[in-house]
Amino acid sequence: MASSEVKAIKEYADSNKILVISPSSTSPALAIPDDFIFRFPPTDELQGRVAPRFAKTIGVTHIIIMWRGDPWGDGLAEVVKKRAEELGITIAKEIRYAPEATEFSAEIATLADAVNDLVASGVSEDKIMIVLISFEEAETILLQAREYDVLWKVRWFGSDGTALSDKILKDPETAEFSAAVRFVNPIAGSETKGFWRLVEKVKERIGRIPESYSVNSYDAIWIIAHALLMIDKYDGEALKEIFPIVVDQYFGANGHIVLNEAGDRAYANYLLWEIVKTDGGYEWQLTGKYDYESDTVTWS
């Protein structure tokens, strides 16, 4: 699933001709042609454009980035910074934390100080956005951020690492904070009828919306099955050769997946999810979309 995991097994997979399909690895550093790794989301060269465009759309002028210091987090943070600068948005502070960290009091204090410094310099709170690039440790980060009044007053933006997180949703304190700061999370997703039909079926089984990348796993399994039927044997090299052809012919829950020369999904729109307060508590709701072709955010 994670880019750090793909990186760890890549050399062995290539040497032993083992086909690897990742439903969720997005690091641009792993976009390597003619290897045995195929990835079903686009790389973060595309995802990294979403947060700055969203910020520009809502009038944000200053971004503070806090990210997980692993191959995925480093790659995504770099794209966010580059695109923000292209759009004339100031990167006010960069906070990188160790991926094995479980406690973030020092980082959160630095985050609050950075916001206070911006406000003291004349930047209004509605012009400031925190971009958080993390996995499940986001629950602890958001929980500790609650302790600082100033961090309730700025906008927050996440990533595919936290989109539709059940852990954040089920903690009443992090759910409350996320809803209050409009913690928007992008994740590549399809808008076909098949996509939503599958999402509803899974929701009936597990009681919650599955993350979009689960649908990548669903399509990957069908494509592997078709490919194995076509070559009628298990042979990693033969499977690697036929796999892109089957992908191109397949129309599944993701619609038509187009792979680039590195074997990664070439493009997709991003669905924008956030936790919203409802009569029954809190729930993830789809509240917007990023269109990759026009580089625009549509806000519902």
C-alpha atoms as a PDB file:
ATOM      1  CA  MET A   1       0.000   0.000   0.000  1.00  0.00           C
ATOM      2  CA  ALA A   2       2.516   2.640   1.133  1.00  0.00           C
ATOM      3  CA  SER A   3       5.313   4.004  -1.048  1.00  0.00           C
ATOM      4  CA  SER A   4       7.853   3.122   1.672  1.00  0.00           C
ATOM      5  CA  GLU A   5       6.684  -0.506   1.434  1.00  0.00           C
ATOM      6  CA  VAL A   6       6.866  -0.521  -2.369  1.00  0.00           C
ATOM      7  CA  LYS A   7      10.371   0.928  -2.161  1.00  0.00           C
ATOM      8  CA  ALA A   8      11.392  -1.791   0.323  1.00  0.00           C
ATOM      9  CA  ILE A   9      10.273  -4.711  -1.879  1.00  0.00           C
ATOM     10  CA  LYS A  10      10.999  -3.235  -5.314  1.00  0.00           C
ATOM     11  CA  GLU A  11      14.535  -4.559  -5.818  1.00  0.00           C
ATOM     12  CA  TYR A  12      13.511  -8.095  -4.793  1.00  0.00           C
ATOM     13  CA  ALA A  13      10.374  -8.003  -6.957  1.00  0.00           C
ATOM     14  CA  ASP A  14      12.285  -6.811 -10.017  1.00  0.00           C
ATOM     15  CA  SER A  15      15.104  -9.347  -9.531  1.00  0.00           C
ATOM     16  CA  ASN A  16      12.689 -12.251  -9.100  1.00  0.00           C
ATOM     17  CA  LYS A  17      10.171 -11.095 -11.719  1.00  0.00           C
ATOM     18  CA  ILE A  18       7.267 -10.781  -9.295  1.00  0.00           C
ATOM     19  CA  LEU A  19       4.440  -8.527 -10.436  1.00  0.00           C
ATOM     20  CA  VAL A  20       3.423  -5.955  -7.787  1.00  0.00           C
ATOM     21  CA  ILE A  21       0.250  -3.860  -8.031  1.00  0.00           C
ATOM     22  CA  SER A  22      -0.161  -1.107  -5.464  1.00  0.00           C
ATOM     23  CA  PRO A  23      -3.617   0.386  -4.867  1.00  0.00           C
ATOM     24  CA  SER A  24      -2.281   3.442  -3.060  1.00  0.00           C
ATOM     25  CA  SER A  25       1.457   4.157  -3.508  1.00  0.00           C
ATOM     26  CA  THR A  26       1.882   7.645  -4.994  1.00  0.00           C
ATOM     27  CA  SER A  27       5.529   8.726  -4.514  1.00  0.00           C
ATOM     28  CA  PRO A  28       6.913  10.335  -7.718  1.00  0.00           C
ATOM     29  CA  ALA A  29      10.323   8.766  -6.899  1.00  0.00           C
ATOM     30  CA  LEU A  30       8.901   5.312  -7.722  1.00  0.00           C
ATOM     31  CA  ALA A  31       7.683   6.270 -11.205  1.00  0.00           C
ATOM     32  CA  ILE A  32      10.184   4.017 -13.017  1.00  0.00           C
ATOM     33  CA  PRO A  33       9.499   2.611 -16.511  1.00  0.00           C
ATOM     34  CA  ASP A  34       9.793  -1.096 -17.344  1.00  0.00           C
ATOM     35  CA  ASP A  35       9.890  -2.410 -13.779  1.00  0.00           C
ATOM     36  CA  PHE A  36       7.567  -4.959 -12.162  1.00  0.00           C
ATOM     37  CA  ILE A  37       5.647  -2.317 -10.174  1.00  0.00           C
ATOM     38  CA  PHE A  38       2.267  -1.041 -11.349  1.00  0.00           C
ATOM     39  CA  ARG A  39       0.363   1.586  -9.360  1.00  0.00           C
ATOM     40  CA  PHE A  40      -3.336   2.382  -9.670  1.00  0.00           C
ATOM     41  CA  PRO A  41      -3.459   5.955  -8.328  1.00  0.00           C
ATOM     42  CA  PRO A  42      -1.711   8.874 -10.055  1.00  0.00           C
ATOM     43  CA  THR A  43       1.570   9.979  -8.489  1.00  0.00           C
ATOM     44  CA  ASP A  44       1.744  12.935  -6.149  1.00  0.00           C
ATOM     45  CA  GLU A  45       2.936  15.105  -9.031  1.00  0.00           C
ATOM     46  CA  LEU A  46      -0.825  15.465  -9.513  1.00  0.00           C
ATOM     47  CA  GLN A  47      -2.082  15.269  -5.898  1.00  0.00           C
ATOM     48  CA  GLY A  48       0.432  17.902  -4.819  1.00  0.00           C
ATOM     49  CA  ARG A  49      -1.311  20.456  -7.029  1.00  0.00           C
ATOM     50  CA  VAL A  50      -4.630  20.125  -5.189  1.00  0.00           C
ATOM     51  CA  ALA A  51      -3.860  21.817  -1.836  1.00  0.00           C
ATOM     52  CA  PRO A  52      -2.316  24.985  -3.359  1.00  0.00           C
ATOM     53  CA  ARG A  53      -5.148  25.323  -5.885  1.00  0.00           C
ATOM     54  CA  PHE A  54      -7.693  24.861  -3.081  1.00  0.00           C
ATOM     55  CA  ALA A  55      -5.860  27.501  -1.020  1.00  0.00           C
ATOM     56  CA  LYS A  56      -5.878  29.928  -3.945  1.00  0.00           C
ATOM     57  CA  THR A  57      -9.599  29.298  -4.508  1.00  0.00           C
ATOM     58  CA  ILE A  58     -10.536  30.268  -0.936  1.00  0.00           C
ATOM     59  CA  GLY A  59      -8.156  33.240  -0.735  1.00  0.00           C
ATOM     60  CA  VAL A  60      -5.359  31.734   1.382  1.00  0.00           C
ATOM     61  CA  THR A  61      -2.027  33.565   1.038  1.00  0.00           C
ATOM     62  CA  HIS A  62       0.174  31.620   3.511  1.00  0.00           C
ATOM     63  CA  ILE A  63       0.628  27.861   3.917  1.00  0.00           C
ATOM     64  CA  ILE A  64       2.325  25.976   6.744  1.00  0.00           C
ATOM     65  CA  ILE A  65       3.251  22.398   5.844  1.00  0.00           C
ATOM     66  CA  MET A  66       3.607  19.605   8.412  1.00  0.00           C
ATOM     67  CA  TRP A  67       4.514  16.217   6.993  1.00  0.00           C
ATOM     68  CA  ARG A  68       5.566  12.643   7.621  1.00  0.00           C
ATOM     69  CA  GLY A  69       9.256  12.293   6.751  1.00  0.00           C
ATOM     70  CA  ASP A  70       9.177   9.183   4.558  1.00  0.00           C
ATOM     71  CA  PRO A  71       9.402   8.699   0.753  1.00  0.00           C
ATOM     72  CA  TRP A  72       5.697   9.436   0.320  1.00  0.00           C
ATOM     73  CA  GLY A  73       5.533  12.461   2.625  1.00  0.00           C
ATOM     74  CA  ASP A  74       8.774  14.000   1.361  1.00  0.00           C
ATOM     75  CA  GLY A  75       7.689  13.655  -2.278  1.00  0.00           C
ATOM     76  CA  LEU A  76       4.215  15.090  -1.741  1.00  0.00           C
ATOM     77  CA  ALA A  77       5.495  17.976   0.380  1.00  0.00           C
ATOM     78  CA  GLU A  78       7.956  18.971  -2.353  1.00  0.00           C
ATOM     79  CA  VAL A  79       5.220  19.140  -4.992  1.00  0.00           C
ATOM     80  CA  VAL A  80       2.945  21.155  -2.674  1.00  0.00           C
ATOM     81  CA  LYS A  81       5.730  23.654  -2.005  1.00  0.00           C
ATOM     82  CA  LYS A  82       6.625  23.995  -5.676  1.00  0.00           C
ATOM     83  CA  ARG A  83       3.037  24.521  -6.801  1.00  0.00           C
ATOM     84  CA  ALA A  84       2.276  26.967  -3.982  1.00  0.00           C
ATOM     85  CA  GLU A  85       5.216  29.123  -5.037  1.00  0.00           C
ATOM     86  CA  GLU A  86       4.022  29.021  -8.661  1.00  0.00           C
ATOM     87  CA  LEU A  87       0.633  30.331  -7.513  1.00  0.00           C
ATOM     88  CA  GLY A  88       2.177  33.107  -5.427  1.00  0.00           C
ATOM     89  CA  ILE A  89       1.359  31.512  -2.069  1.00  0.00           C
ATOM     90  CA  THR A  90       3.959  31.904   0.683  1.00  0.00           C
ATOM     91  CA  ILE A  91       5.280  28.787   2.429  1.00  0.00           C
ATOM     92  CA  ALA A  92       5.520  30.269   5.913  1.00  0.00           C
ATOM     93  CA  LYS A  93       6.859  27.228   7.795  1.00  0.00           C
ATOM     94  CA  GLU A  94       7.969  23.650   7.102  1.00  0.00           C
ATOM     95  CA  ILE A  95       7.652  21.027   9.862  1.00  0.00           C
ATOM     96  CA  ARG A  96       8.933  17.521   9.100  1.00  0.00           C
ATOM     97  CA  TYR A  97       8.497  14.721  11.642  1.00  0.00           C
ATOM     98  CA  ALA A  98       9.910  11.190  11.892  1.00  0.00           C
ATOM     99  CA  PRO A  99       7.551   8.512  10.508  1.00  0.00           C
ATOM    100  CA  GLU A 100       7.959   6.418  13.669  1.00  0.00           C
ATOM    101  CA  ALA A 101       6.905   9.314  15.937  1.00  0.00           C
ATOM    102  CA  THR A 102       3.894   8.783  18.216  1.00  0.00           C
ATOM    103  CA  GLU A 103       3.940  12.083  20.120  1.00  0.00           C
ATOM    104  CA  PHE A 104       3.919  15.533  18.531  1.00  0.00           C
ATOM    105  CA  SER A 105       3.802  18.152  21.292  1.00  0.00           C
ATOM    106  CA  ALA A 106       6.977  19.903  20.077  1.00  0.00           C
ATOM    107  CA  GLU A 107       5.790  19.981  16.444  1.00  0.00           C
ATOM    108  CA  ILE A 108       2.335  21.267  17.416  1.00  0.00           C
ATOM    109  CA  ALA A 109       3.884  24.005  19.596  1.00  0.00           C
ATOM    110  CA  THR A 110       6.014  25.033  16.601  1.00  0.00           C
ATOM    111  CA  LEU A 111       2.905  24.997  14.427  1.00  0.00           C
ATOM    112  CA  ALA A 112       1.000  27.265  16.831  1.00  0.00           C
ATOM    113  CA  ASP A 113       3.993  29.626  17.102  1.00  0.00           C
ATOM    114  CA  ALA A 114       4.175  29.862  13.302  1.00  0.00           C
ATOM    115  CA  VAL A 115       0.482  30.807  13.091  1.00  0.00           C
ATOM    116  CA  ASN A 116       0.863  33.361  15.899  1.00  0.00           C
ATOM    117  CA  ASP A 117       3.887  34.892  14.140  1.00  0.00           C
ATOM    118  CA  LEU A 118       1.905  35.293  10.925  1.00  0.00           C
ATOM    119  CA  VAL A 119      -1.034  36.878  12.744  1.00  0.00           C
ATOM    120  CA  ALA A 120       1.345  39.221  14.603  1.00  0.00           C
ATOM    121  CA  SER A 121       2.822  40.279  11.252  1.00  0.00           C
ATOM    122  CA  GLY A 122      -0.614  41.270   9.963  1.00  0.00           C
ATOM    123  CA  VAL A 123      -1.809  38.133   8.166  1.00  0.00           C
ATOM    124  CA  SER A 124      -5.454  37.437   9.038  1.00  0.00           C
ATOM    125  CA  GLU A 125      -6.344  33.944  10.233  1.00  0.00           C
ATOM    126  CA  ASP A 126      -8.598  33.256   7.236  1.00  0.00           C
ATOM    127  CA  LYS A 127      -5.583  33.706   4.948  1.00  0.00           C
ATOM    128  CA  ILE A 128      -3.629  30.903   6.651  1.00  0.00           C
ATOM    129  CA  MET A 129      -3.896  27.181   5.871  1.00  0.00           C
ATOM    130  CA  ILE A 130      -2.114  24.223   7.467  1.00  0.00           C
ATOM    131  CA  VAL A 131      -1.363  21.347   5.097  1.00  0.00           C
ATOM    132  CA  LEU A 132      -1.024  18.095   7.045  1.00  0.00           C
ATOM    133  CA  ILE A 133       0.527  15.148   5.185  1.00  0.00           C
ATOM    134  CA  SER A 134       0.222  12.087   7.406  1.00  0.00           C
ATOM    135  CA  PHE A 135      -1.248   8.640   7.968  1.00  0.00           C
ATOM    136  CA  GLU A 136      -3.204   7.412  11.012  1.00  0.00           C
ATOM    137  CA  GLU A 137      -0.945   9.395  13.359  1.00  0.00           C
ATOM    138  CA  ALA A 138      -3.068  12.361  12.263  1.00  0.00           C
ATOM    139  CA  GLU A 139      -5.494  11.435  15.051  1.00  0.00           C
ATOM    140  CA  THR A 140      -2.835  12.235  17.680  1.00  0.00           C
ATOM    141  CA  ILE A 141      -1.738  15.369  15.807  1.00  0.00           C
ATOM    142  CA  LEU A 142      -5.300  16.720  15.622  1.00  0.00           C
ATOM    143  CA  LEU A 143      -5.926  15.797  19.255  1.00  0.00           C
ATOM    144  CA  GLN A 144      -2.879  17.776  20.385  1.00  0.00           C
ATOM    145  CA  ALA A 145      -3.709  20.673  18.042  1.00  0.00           C
ATOM    146  CA  ARG A 146      -7.024  21.112  19.876  1.00  0.00           C
ATOM    147  CA  GLU A 147      -5.121  22.477  22.866  1.00  0.00           C
ATOM    148  CA  TYR A 148      -4.167  25.676  21.007  1.00  0.00           C
ATOM    149  CA  ASP A 149      -6.958  28.201  20.416  1.00  0.00           C
ATOM    150  CA  VAL A 150      -5.197  29.702  17.397  1.00  0.00           C
ATOM    151  CA  LEU A 151      -5.187  26.343  15.571  1.00  0.00           C
ATOM    152  CA  TRP A 152      -9.016  26.310  15.662  1.00  0.00           C
ATOM    153  CA  LYS A 153      -9.067  29.597  13.740  1.00  0.00           C
ATOM    154  CA  VAL A 154      -7.179  28.615  10.562  1.00  0.00           C
ATOM    155  CA  ARG A 155      -8.072  26.248   7.735  1.00  0.00           C
ATOM    156  CA  TRP A 156      -6.633  22.723   7.555  1.00  0.00           C
ATOM    157  CA  PHE A 157      -6.050  20.552   4.486  1.00  0.00           C
ATOM    158  CA  GLY A 158      -5.042  16.885   4.421  1.00  0.00           C
ATOM    159  CA  SER A 159      -4.128  14.260   1.856  1.00  0.00           C
ATOM    160  CA  ASP A 160      -5.063  10.813   0.613  1.00  0.00           C
ATOM    161  CA  GLY A 161      -3.305   9.467   3.721  1.00  0.00           C
ATOM    162  CA  THR A 162      -6.127  10.755   5.947  1.00  0.00           C
ATOM    163  CA  ALA A 163      -9.099  10.876   3.561  1.00  0.00           C
ATOM    164  CA  LEU A 164     -12.031   8.852   4.971  1.00  0.00           C
ATOM    165  CA  SER A 165      -9.999   7.833   8.045  1.00  0.00           C
ATOM    166  CA  ASP A 166     -12.234   5.835  10.373  1.00  0.00           C
ATOM    167  CA  LYS A 167      -9.839   6.518  13.250  1.00  0.00           C
ATOM    168  CA  ILE A 168     -10.247  10.304  13.018  1.00  0.00           C
ATOM    169  CA  LEU A 169     -14.012  10.001  12.588  1.00  0.00           C
ATOM    170  CA  LYS A 170     -14.601   7.691  15.561  1.00  0.00           C
ATOM    171  CA  ASP A 171     -12.708   9.850  18.061  1.00  0.00           C
ATOM    172  CA  PRO A 172     -15.309  12.480  19.083  1.00  0.00           C
ATOM    173  CA  GLU A 173     -12.648  15.086  19.875  1.00  0.00           C
ATOM    174  CA  THR A 174     -10.761  14.784  16.585  1.00  0.00           C
ATOM    175  CA  ALA A 175     -14.073  14.628  14.683  1.00  0.00           C
ATOM    176  CA  GLU A 176     -15.221  17.843  16.373  1.00  0.00           C
ATOM    177  CA  PHE A 177     -11.931  19.610  15.631  1.00  0.00           C
ATOM    178  CA  SER A 178     -11.848  18.390  12.012  1.00  0.00           C
ATOM    179  CA  ALA A 179     -15.385  19.644  11.393  1.00  0.00           C
ATOM    180  CA  ALA A 180     -14.648  23.010  13.028  1.00  0.00           C
ATOM    181  CA  VAL A 181     -11.543  23.717  10.905  1.00  0.00           C
ATOM    182  CA  ARG A 182     -13.037  22.222   7.713  1.00  0.00           C
ATOM    183  CA  PHE A 183     -10.273  19.614   7.395  1.00  0.00           C
ATOM    184  CA  VAL A 184     -10.564  18.835   3.671  1.00  0.00           C
ATOM    185  CA  ASN A 185      -8.901  15.670   2.354  1.00  0.00           C
ATOM    186  CA  PRO A 186      -8.352  14.858  -1.336  1.00  0.00           C
ATOM    187  CA  ILE A 187      -8.215  11.357  -2.755  1.00  0.00           C
ATOM    188  CA  ALA A 188      -8.145  10.222  -6.380  1.00  0.00           C
ATOM    189  CA  GLY A 189     -11.491   8.741  -7.237  1.00  0.00           C
ATOM    190  CA  SER A 190     -13.819   7.871 -10.060  1.00  0.00           C
ATOM    191  CA  GLU A 191     -17.312   9.245 -10.525  1.00  0.00           C
ATOM    192  CA  THR A 192     -18.722   6.389 -12.572  1.00  0.00           C
ATOM    193  CA  LYS A 193     -21.983   4.724 -11.587  1.00  0.00           C
ATOM    194  CA  GLY A 194     -20.002   1.527 -11.003  1.00  0.00           C
ATOM    195  CA  PHE A 195     -17.743   3.287  -8.491  1.00  0.00           C
ATOM    196  CA  TRP A 196     -20.630   4.580  -6.383  1.00  0.00           C
ATOM    197  CA  ARG A 197     -22.555   1.307  -6.687  1.00  0.00           C
ATOM    198  CA  LEU A 198     -19.556  -0.605  -5.309  1.00  0.00           C
ATOM    199  CA  VAL A 199     -19.038   1.985  -2.548  1.00  0.00           C
ATOM    200  CA  GLU A 200     -22.659   1.591  -1.436  1.00  0.00           C
ATOM    201  CA  LYS A 201     -22.415  -2.224  -1.437  1.00  0.00           C
ATOM    202  CA  VAL A 202     -19.272  -2.153   0.695  1.00  0.00           C
ATOM    203  CA  LYS A 203     -20.828   0.444   3.009  1.00  0.00           C
ATOM    204  CA  GLU A 204     -23.745  -1.946   3.627  1.00  0.00           C
ATOM    205  CA  ARG A 205     -21.258  -4.661   4.682  1.00  0.00           C
ATOM    206  CA  ILE A 206     -18.825  -2.700   6.859  1.00  0.00           C
ATOM    207  CA  GLY A 207     -20.972   0.212   8.068  1.00  0.00           C
ATOM    208  CA  ARG A 208     -18.829   3.003   6.628  1.00  0.00           C
ATOM    209  CA  ILE A 209     -17.670   4.464   3.333  1.00  0.00           C
ATOM    210  CA  PRO A 210     -14.590   2.596   2.066  1.00  0.00           C
ATOM    211  CA  GLU A 211     -11.682   4.746   1.013  1.00  0.00           C
ATOM    212  CA  SER A 212     -11.369   5.294  -2.742  1.00  0.00           C
ATOM    213  CA  TYR A 213      -8.167   3.262  -2.973  1.00  0.00           C
ATOM    214  CA  SER A 214     -10.072   0.162  -1.852  1.00  0.00           C
ATOM    215  CA  VAL A 215     -11.751   0.357  -5.243  1.00  0.00           C
ATOM    216  CA  ASN A 216      -8.290   0.224  -6.838  1.00  0.00           C
ATOM    217  CA  SER A 217      -7.732  -3.117  -5.073  1.00  0.00           C
ATOM    218  CA  TYR A 218     -11.075  -4.381  -6.366  1.00  0.00           C
ATOM    219  CA  ASP A 219     -10.213  -3.499  -9.976  1.00  0.00           C
ATOM    220  CA  ALA A 220      -6.656  -4.831  -9.636  1.00  0.00           C
ATOM    221  CA  ILE A 221      -7.888  -8.287  -8.574  1.00  0.00           C
ATOM    222  CA  TRP A 222     -10.243  -8.524 -11.568  1.00  0.00           C
ATOM    223  CA  ILE A 223      -7.510  -7.398 -13.962  1.00  0.00           C
ATOM    224  CA  ILE A 224      -5.014  -9.929 -12.544  1.00  0.00           C
ATOM    225  CA  ALA A 225      -7.634 -12.675 -12.940  1.00  0.00           C
ATOM    226  CA  HIS A 226      -8.263 -11.745 -16.586  1.00  0.00           C
ATOM    227  CA  ALA A 227      -4.515 -11.557 -17.280  1.00  0.00           C
ATOM    228  CA  LEU A 228      -3.870 -14.996 -15.751  1.00  0.00           C
ATOM    229  CA  LEU A 229      -6.702 -16.495 -17.793  1.00  0.00           C
ATOM    230  CA  MET A 230      -5.184 -15.055 -20.973  1.00  0.00           C
ATOM    231  CA  ILE A 231      -1.651 -16.390 -20.419  1.00  0.00           C
ATOM    232  CA  ASP A 232      -2.942 -19.609 -18.773  1.00  0.00           C
ATOM    233  CA  LYS A 233       0.115 -19.967 -16.502  1.00  0.00           C
ATOM    234  CA  TYR A 234       1.861 -18.222 -13.666  1.00  0.00           C
ATOM    235  CA  ASP A 235       4.847 -16.509 -15.184  1.00  0.00           C
ATOM    236  CA  GLY A 236       5.845 -13.125 -13.797  1.00  0.00           C
ATOM    237  CA  GLU A 237       7.463 -11.889 -16.988  1.00  0.00           C
ATOM    238  CA  ALA A 238       4.520 -12.927 -19.177  1.00  0.00           C
ATOM    239  CA  LEU A 239       2.105 -11.403 -16.661  1.00  0.00           C
ATOM    240  CA  LYS A 240       4.015  -8.119 -16.719  1.00  0.00           C
ATOM    241  CA  GLU A 241       3.798  -7.956 -20.514  1.00  0.00           C
ATOM    242  CA  ILE A 242       0.058  -8.672 -20.735  1.00  0.00           C
ATOM    243  CA  PHE A 243      -1.000  -6.636 -17.688  1.00  0.00           C
ATOM    244  CA  PRO A 244      -1.024  -3.147 -19.348  1.00  0.00           C
ATOM    245  CA  ILE A 245      -2.975  -4.565 -22.305  1.00  0.00           C
ATOM    246  CA  VAL A 246      -5.668  -5.975 -20.004  1.00  0.00           C
ATOM    247  CA  VAL A 247      -5.801  -2.696 -18.059  1.00  0.00           C
ATOM    248  CA  ASP A 248      -6.418  -0.809 -21.280  1.00  0.00           C
ATOM    249  CA  GLN A 249      -9.280  -3.155 -22.241  1.00  0.00           C
ATOM    250  CA  TYR A 250     -10.891  -3.205 -18.792  1.00  0.00           C
ATOM    251  CA  PHE A 251     -13.708  -0.901 -17.684  1.00  0.00           C
ATOM    252  CA  GLY A 252     -14.376  -1.442 -13.998  1.00  0.00           C
ATOM    253  CA  ALA A 253     -15.384   0.455 -10.879  1.00  0.00           C
ATOM    254  CA  ASN A 254     -12.743   3.074 -11.702  1.00  0.00           C
ATOM    255  CA  GLY A 255     -13.928   3.371 -15.260  1.00  0.00           C
ATOM    256  CA  HIS A 256     -11.131   3.227 -17.843  1.00  0.00           C
ATOM    257  CA  ILE A 257      -7.695   3.333 -16.202  1.00  0.00           C
ATOM    258  CA  VAL A 258      -4.949   4.817 -18.357  1.00  0.00           C
ATOM    259  CA  LEU A 259      -1.382   3.881 -17.382  1.00  0.00           C
ATOM    260  CA  ASN A 260       1.643   6.009 -18.254  1.00  0.00           C
ATOM    261  CA  GLU A 261       5.062   4.754 -19.337  1.00  0.00           C
ATOM    262  CA  ALA A 262       6.048   4.124 -15.702  1.00  0.00           C
ATOM    263  CA  GLY A 263       3.055   1.816 -15.164  1.00  0.00           C
ATOM    264  CA  ASP A 264       1.250   4.324 -12.947  1.00  0.00           C
ATOM    265  CA  ARG A 265      -2.213   5.768 -13.460  1.00  0.00           C
ATOM    266  CA  ALA A 266      -1.731   8.746 -15.722  1.00  0.00           C
ATOM    267  CA  TYR A 267      -4.524  10.973 -14.433  1.00  0.00           C
ATOM    268  CA  ALA A 268      -7.673  11.171 -12.305  1.00  0.00           C
ATOM    269  CA  ASN A 269      -9.853  13.758 -10.629  1.00  0.00           C
ATOM    270  CA  TYR A 270      -9.656  14.141  -6.858  1.00  0.00           C
ATOM    271  CA  LEU A 271     -12.703  13.926  -4.621  1.00  0.00           C
ATOM    272  CA  LEU A 272     -12.623  16.282  -1.623  1.00  0.00           C
ATOM    273  CA  TRP A 273     -13.886  14.775   1.624  1.00  0.00           C
ATOM    274  CA  GLU A 274     -14.370  16.354   5.039  1.00  0.00           C
ATOM    275  CA  ILE A 275     -15.951  15.437   8.367  1.00  0.00           C
ATOM    276  CA  VAL A 276     -19.299  17.175   8.796  1.00  0.00           C
ATOM    277  CA  LYS A 277     -21.492  17.461  11.899  1.00  0.00           C
ATOM    278  CA  THR A 278     -24.906  15.841  11.411  1.00  0.00           C
ATOM    279  CA  ASP A 279     -27.926  15.147  13.597  1.00  0.00           C
ATOM    280  CA  GLY A 280     -26.493  11.716  14.370  1.00  0.00           C
ATOM    281  CA  GLY A 281     -22.968  12.891  15.175  1.00  0.00           C
ATOM    282  CA  TYR A 282     -20.238  13.222  12.569  1.00  0.00           C
ATOM    283  CA  GLU A 283     -19.671  11.653   9.153  1.00  0.00           C
ATOM    284  CA  TRP A 284     -17.396  11.950   6.138  1.00  0.00           C
ATOM    285  CA  GLN A 285     -19.097  13.817   3.297  1.00  0.00           C
ATOM    286  CA  LEU A 286     -18.041  14.546  -0.257  1.00  0.00           C
ATOM    287  CA  THR A 287     -18.030  18.346  -0.470  1.00  0.00           C
ATOM    288  CA  GLY A 288     -15.989  19.148  -3.544  1.00  0.00           C
ATOM    289  CA  LYS A 289     -13.895  18.012  -6.490  1.00  0.00           C
ATOM    290  CA  TYR A 290     -10.574  18.909  -8.084  1.00  0.00           C
ATOM    291  CA  ASP A 291     -10.547  18.630 -11.873  1.00  0.00           C
ATOM    292  CA  TYR A 292      -7.052  17.778 -13.115  1.00  0.00           C
ATOM    293  CA  GLU A 293      -7.645  18.976 -16.699  1.00  0.00           C
ATOM    294  CA  SER A 294      -8.795  22.493 -15.801  1.00  0.00           C
ATOM    295  CA  ASP A 295      -6.840  22.722 -12.500  1.00  0.00           C
ATOM    296  CA  THR A 296      -9.978  23.944 -10.751  1.00  0.00           C
ATOM    297  CA  VAL A 297     -11.849  23.218  -7.520  1.00  0.00           C
ATOM    298  CA  THR A 298     -15.629  22.841  -7.584  1.00  0.00           C
ATOM    299  CA  TRP A 299     -17.130  23.399  -4.136  1.00  0.00           C
ATOM    300  CA  SER A 300     -20.551  22.029  -3.213  1.00  0.00           C
END
